[in-house]
N, C-alpha and C. Protein backbone atom coordinates (compact mmCIF):
# COMPACT_ATOMS: atom_id res chain seq x y z
N UNK A 1 -119.54 -26.94 10.01
CA UNK A 1 -118.93 -28.17 9.84
C UNK A 1 -117.67 -28.34 9.27
N UNK A 2 -116.92 -29.29 9.66
CA UNK A 2 -115.67 -29.33 9.53
C UNK A 2 -115.38 -29.89 8.08
N UNK A 3 -114.28 -29.58 7.26
CA UNK A 3 -113.91 -29.91 6.01
C UNK A 3 -113.64 -31.46 6.04
N UNK A 4 -114.10 -32.33 4.98
CA UNK A 4 -113.95 -33.61 4.85
C UNK A 4 -112.40 -33.80 4.15
N UNK A 5 -112.13 -32.88 3.33
CA UNK A 5 -110.71 -33.03 2.62
C UNK A 5 -110.08 -31.72 2.61
N UNK A 6 -108.63 -31.74 2.46
CA UNK A 6 -107.72 -30.64 2.59
C UNK A 6 -106.93 -30.53 1.19
N UNK A 7 -106.80 -29.26 0.71
CA UNK A 7 -105.80 -29.26 -0.30
C UNK A 7 -104.39 -29.48 0.17
N UNK A 8 -103.43 -29.28 -0.75
CA UNK A 8 -101.88 -29.63 -0.33
C UNK A 8 -101.53 -28.36 0.41
N UNK A 9 -101.96 -27.23 0.10
CA UNK A 9 -101.62 -25.77 0.76
C UNK A 9 -102.26 -26.03 2.13
N UNK A 10 -103.53 -26.38 2.28
CA UNK A 10 -104.20 -26.61 3.59
C UNK A 10 -103.27 -27.51 4.58
N UNK A 11 -102.92 -28.68 4.07
CA UNK A 11 -102.09 -29.59 4.72
C UNK A 11 -100.87 -29.08 5.18
N UNK A 12 -100.21 -28.12 4.19
CA UNK A 12 -98.72 -27.50 4.68
C UNK A 12 -99.36 -26.51 5.87
N UNK A 13 -100.12 -25.73 5.88
CA UNK A 13 -100.56 -24.95 6.60
C UNK A 13 -100.88 -25.43 8.19
N UNK A 14 -101.62 -26.56 7.86
CA UNK A 14 -101.92 -27.30 9.30
C UNK A 14 -100.74 -28.00 9.85
N UNK A 15 -99.95 -28.49 9.17
CA UNK A 15 -99.20 -29.39 9.46
C UNK A 15 -97.69 -28.85 9.90
N UNK A 16 -97.20 -27.70 9.16
CA UNK A 16 -96.13 -27.06 9.19
C UNK A 16 -95.15 -27.47 8.37
N UNK A 17 -95.55 -28.65 7.47
CA UNK A 17 -94.64 -29.24 6.52
C UNK A 17 -94.67 -28.61 5.33
N UNK A 18 -93.50 -28.66 4.48
CA UNK A 18 -93.46 -28.02 3.25
C UNK A 18 -94.13 -28.78 2.11
N UNK A 19 -94.29 -28.15 1.06
CA UNK A 19 -95.08 -28.74 0.04
C UNK A 19 -94.28 -29.82 -0.73
N UNK A 20 -92.97 -29.84 -0.85
CA UNK A 20 -92.30 -30.89 -1.27
C UNK A 20 -92.41 -32.04 -0.52
N UNK A 21 -92.27 -31.87 0.82
CA UNK A 21 -92.40 -33.13 1.61
C UNK A 21 -93.65 -33.68 1.51
N UNK A 22 -94.84 -32.93 1.46
CA UNK A 22 -96.23 -33.54 1.24
C UNK A 22 -96.21 -34.22 -0.03
N UNK A 23 -95.64 -33.78 -1.06
CA UNK A 23 -95.88 -34.63 -2.48
C UNK A 23 -95.03 -35.56 -2.35
N UNK A 24 -93.76 -35.63 -1.79
CA UNK A 24 -92.98 -36.77 -1.60
C UNK A 24 -93.68 -37.96 -0.84
N UNK A 25 -94.32 -37.66 0.25
CA UNK A 25 -95.00 -38.46 1.07
C UNK A 25 -96.29 -39.21 0.39
N UNK A 26 -96.93 -38.31 -0.51
CA UNK A 26 -97.92 -38.83 -1.32
C UNK A 26 -97.31 -39.76 -2.38
N UNK A 27 -96.31 -39.44 -3.15
CA UNK A 27 -95.78 -40.28 -4.23
C UNK A 27 -95.04 -41.52 -3.63
N UNK A 28 -94.67 -41.47 -2.34
CA UNK A 28 -93.95 -42.73 -1.73
C UNK A 28 -95.30 -43.56 -1.13
N UNK A 29 -96.43 -43.21 -1.21
CA UNK A 29 -97.49 -44.08 -0.46
C UNK A 29 -97.63 -43.96 0.95
N UNK A 30 -97.03 -42.86 1.57
CA UNK A 30 -97.16 -42.64 2.97
C UNK A 30 -98.28 -41.74 3.32
N UNK A 31 -98.83 -40.94 2.35
CA UNK A 31 -99.96 -40.14 2.69
C UNK A 31 -100.86 -40.31 1.75
N UNK A 32 -102.10 -40.92 2.09
CA UNK A 32 -103.20 -41.18 1.08
C UNK A 32 -103.85 -39.74 0.51
N UNK A 33 -104.21 -39.78 -0.84
CA UNK A 33 -104.74 -38.56 -1.35
C UNK A 33 -105.62 -39.04 -2.47
N UNK A 34 -106.58 -38.18 -2.68
CA UNK A 34 -107.27 -38.41 -3.95
C UNK A 34 -107.12 -37.22 -5.03
N UNK A 35 -107.19 -37.67 -6.28
CA UNK A 35 -107.30 -36.39 -7.26
C UNK A 35 -108.80 -36.44 -7.63
N UNK A 36 -109.19 -35.21 -7.46
CA UNK A 36 -110.71 -34.72 -7.82
C UNK A 36 -110.43 -33.58 -8.81
N UNK A 37 -110.58 -33.91 -9.99
CA UNK A 37 -110.45 -32.83 -11.29
C UNK A 37 -109.15 -32.64 -11.24
N UNK A 38 -108.50 -31.42 -11.16
CA UNK A 38 -107.11 -31.16 -11.30
C UNK A 38 -106.57 -31.18 -9.80
N UNK A 39 -107.36 -31.06 -8.81
CA UNK A 39 -106.81 -30.93 -7.30
C UNK A 39 -106.62 -32.19 -6.78
N UNK A 40 -105.72 -32.19 -5.95
CA UNK A 40 -105.31 -33.25 -5.04
C UNK A 40 -105.79 -32.78 -3.50
N UNK A 41 -106.61 -33.91 -3.10
CA UNK A 41 -107.40 -33.73 -1.82
C UNK A 41 -106.84 -34.87 -0.73
N UNK A 42 -106.89 -34.21 0.55
CA UNK A 42 -106.36 -35.38 1.48
C UNK A 42 -107.41 -35.13 2.51
N UNK A 43 -107.92 -36.40 2.88
CA UNK A 43 -108.82 -36.69 3.80
C UNK A 43 -108.19 -36.26 5.41
N UNK A 44 -108.99 -35.80 6.12
CA UNK A 44 -108.57 -35.35 7.30
C UNK A 44 -107.99 -36.40 8.12
N UNK A 45 -108.85 -37.57 8.01
CA UNK A 45 -108.32 -38.81 8.69
C UNK A 45 -107.03 -39.32 8.18
N UNK A 46 -106.69 -39.16 6.82
CA UNK A 46 -105.30 -39.69 6.13
C UNK A 46 -104.29 -38.65 6.85
N UNK A 47 -104.54 -37.41 7.05
CA UNK A 47 -103.40 -36.60 7.62
C UNK A 47 -103.24 -36.75 9.16
N UNK A 48 -104.29 -37.09 9.59
CA UNK A 48 -103.94 -37.64 11.15
C UNK A 48 -103.39 -38.74 11.22
N UNK A 49 -103.64 -39.80 10.53
CA UNK A 49 -102.86 -41.09 10.53
C UNK A 49 -101.48 -40.85 10.11
N UNK A 50 -101.09 -39.94 9.23
CA UNK A 50 -99.89 -39.75 8.73
C UNK A 50 -99.05 -39.17 9.83
N UNK A 51 -99.76 -38.23 10.41
CA UNK A 51 -98.83 -37.60 11.58
C UNK A 51 -98.66 -38.65 12.79
N UNK A 52 -99.79 -39.47 12.87
CA UNK A 52 -99.46 -40.42 14.06
C UNK A 52 -98.52 -41.56 13.71
N UNK A 53 -98.33 -41.91 12.41
CA UNK A 53 -97.35 -42.54 11.89
C UNK A 53 -96.10 -42.14 11.98
N UNK A 54 -95.77 -40.71 11.71
CA UNK A 54 -94.53 -40.11 12.04
C UNK A 54 -94.01 -40.12 13.62
N UNK A 55 -95.06 -39.83 14.37
CA UNK A 55 -94.86 -39.70 15.96
C UNK A 55 -94.44 -41.03 16.30
N UNK A 56 -94.95 -42.24 15.91
CA UNK A 56 -94.72 -43.42 16.27
C UNK A 56 -93.23 -43.72 15.90
N UNK A 57 -92.77 -43.42 14.48
CA UNK A 57 -91.41 -43.61 13.90
C UNK A 57 -90.46 -42.81 14.82
N UNK A 58 -90.89 -41.45 15.21
CA UNK A 58 -90.03 -40.79 16.02
C UNK A 58 -89.64 -41.34 17.39
N UNK A 59 -90.63 -41.75 17.90
CA UNK A 59 -90.59 -42.23 19.32
C UNK A 59 -89.68 -43.69 19.12
N UNK A 60 -89.85 -44.55 18.37
CA UNK A 60 -89.14 -45.62 18.09
C UNK A 60 -87.62 -45.36 17.81
N UNK A 61 -87.38 -44.54 17.05
CA UNK A 61 -86.11 -43.91 16.64
C UNK A 61 -85.21 -43.54 18.06
N UNK A 62 -85.92 -42.69 18.76
CA UNK A 62 -85.29 -42.21 19.95
C UNK A 62 -85.40 -43.22 21.19
N UNK A 63 -85.82 -44.34 20.86
CA UNK A 63 -85.96 -45.27 21.81
C UNK A 63 -86.99 -45.17 23.07
N UNK A 64 -88.07 -44.47 22.68
CA UNK A 64 -89.13 -44.12 23.83
C UNK A 64 -90.32 -45.21 23.59
N UNK A 65 -91.23 -45.42 24.69
CA UNK A 65 -92.31 -46.26 24.43
C UNK A 65 -93.01 -45.64 23.58
N UNK A 66 -93.95 -46.43 22.90
CA UNK A 66 -94.79 -45.84 21.98
C UNK A 66 -95.94 -45.07 22.76
N UNK A 67 -95.92 -43.74 22.70
CA UNK A 67 -96.75 -42.73 23.40
C UNK A 67 -97.64 -42.23 22.31
N UNK A 68 -97.50 -42.56 21.08
CA UNK A 68 -98.33 -41.85 19.94
C UNK A 68 -99.75 -42.41 20.04
N UNK A 69 -100.14 -43.48 20.63
CA UNK A 69 -101.54 -44.15 20.52
C UNK A 69 -102.30 -43.78 21.80
């Protein structure tokens, strides 16, 4: 069974993004997460949506058609 949620470290490992970037994205409201006890958990769907949003922004900035969907 796949995990329902990931730790900050897991998201960093899976995405290749740094810990500071992930925390900034959470604090800016770009990446949804939940506080569970003392841990911060990010649902798989939220991480996937965050990456899709960045793909779309990158494509738009480069003048490409929307190929992220």
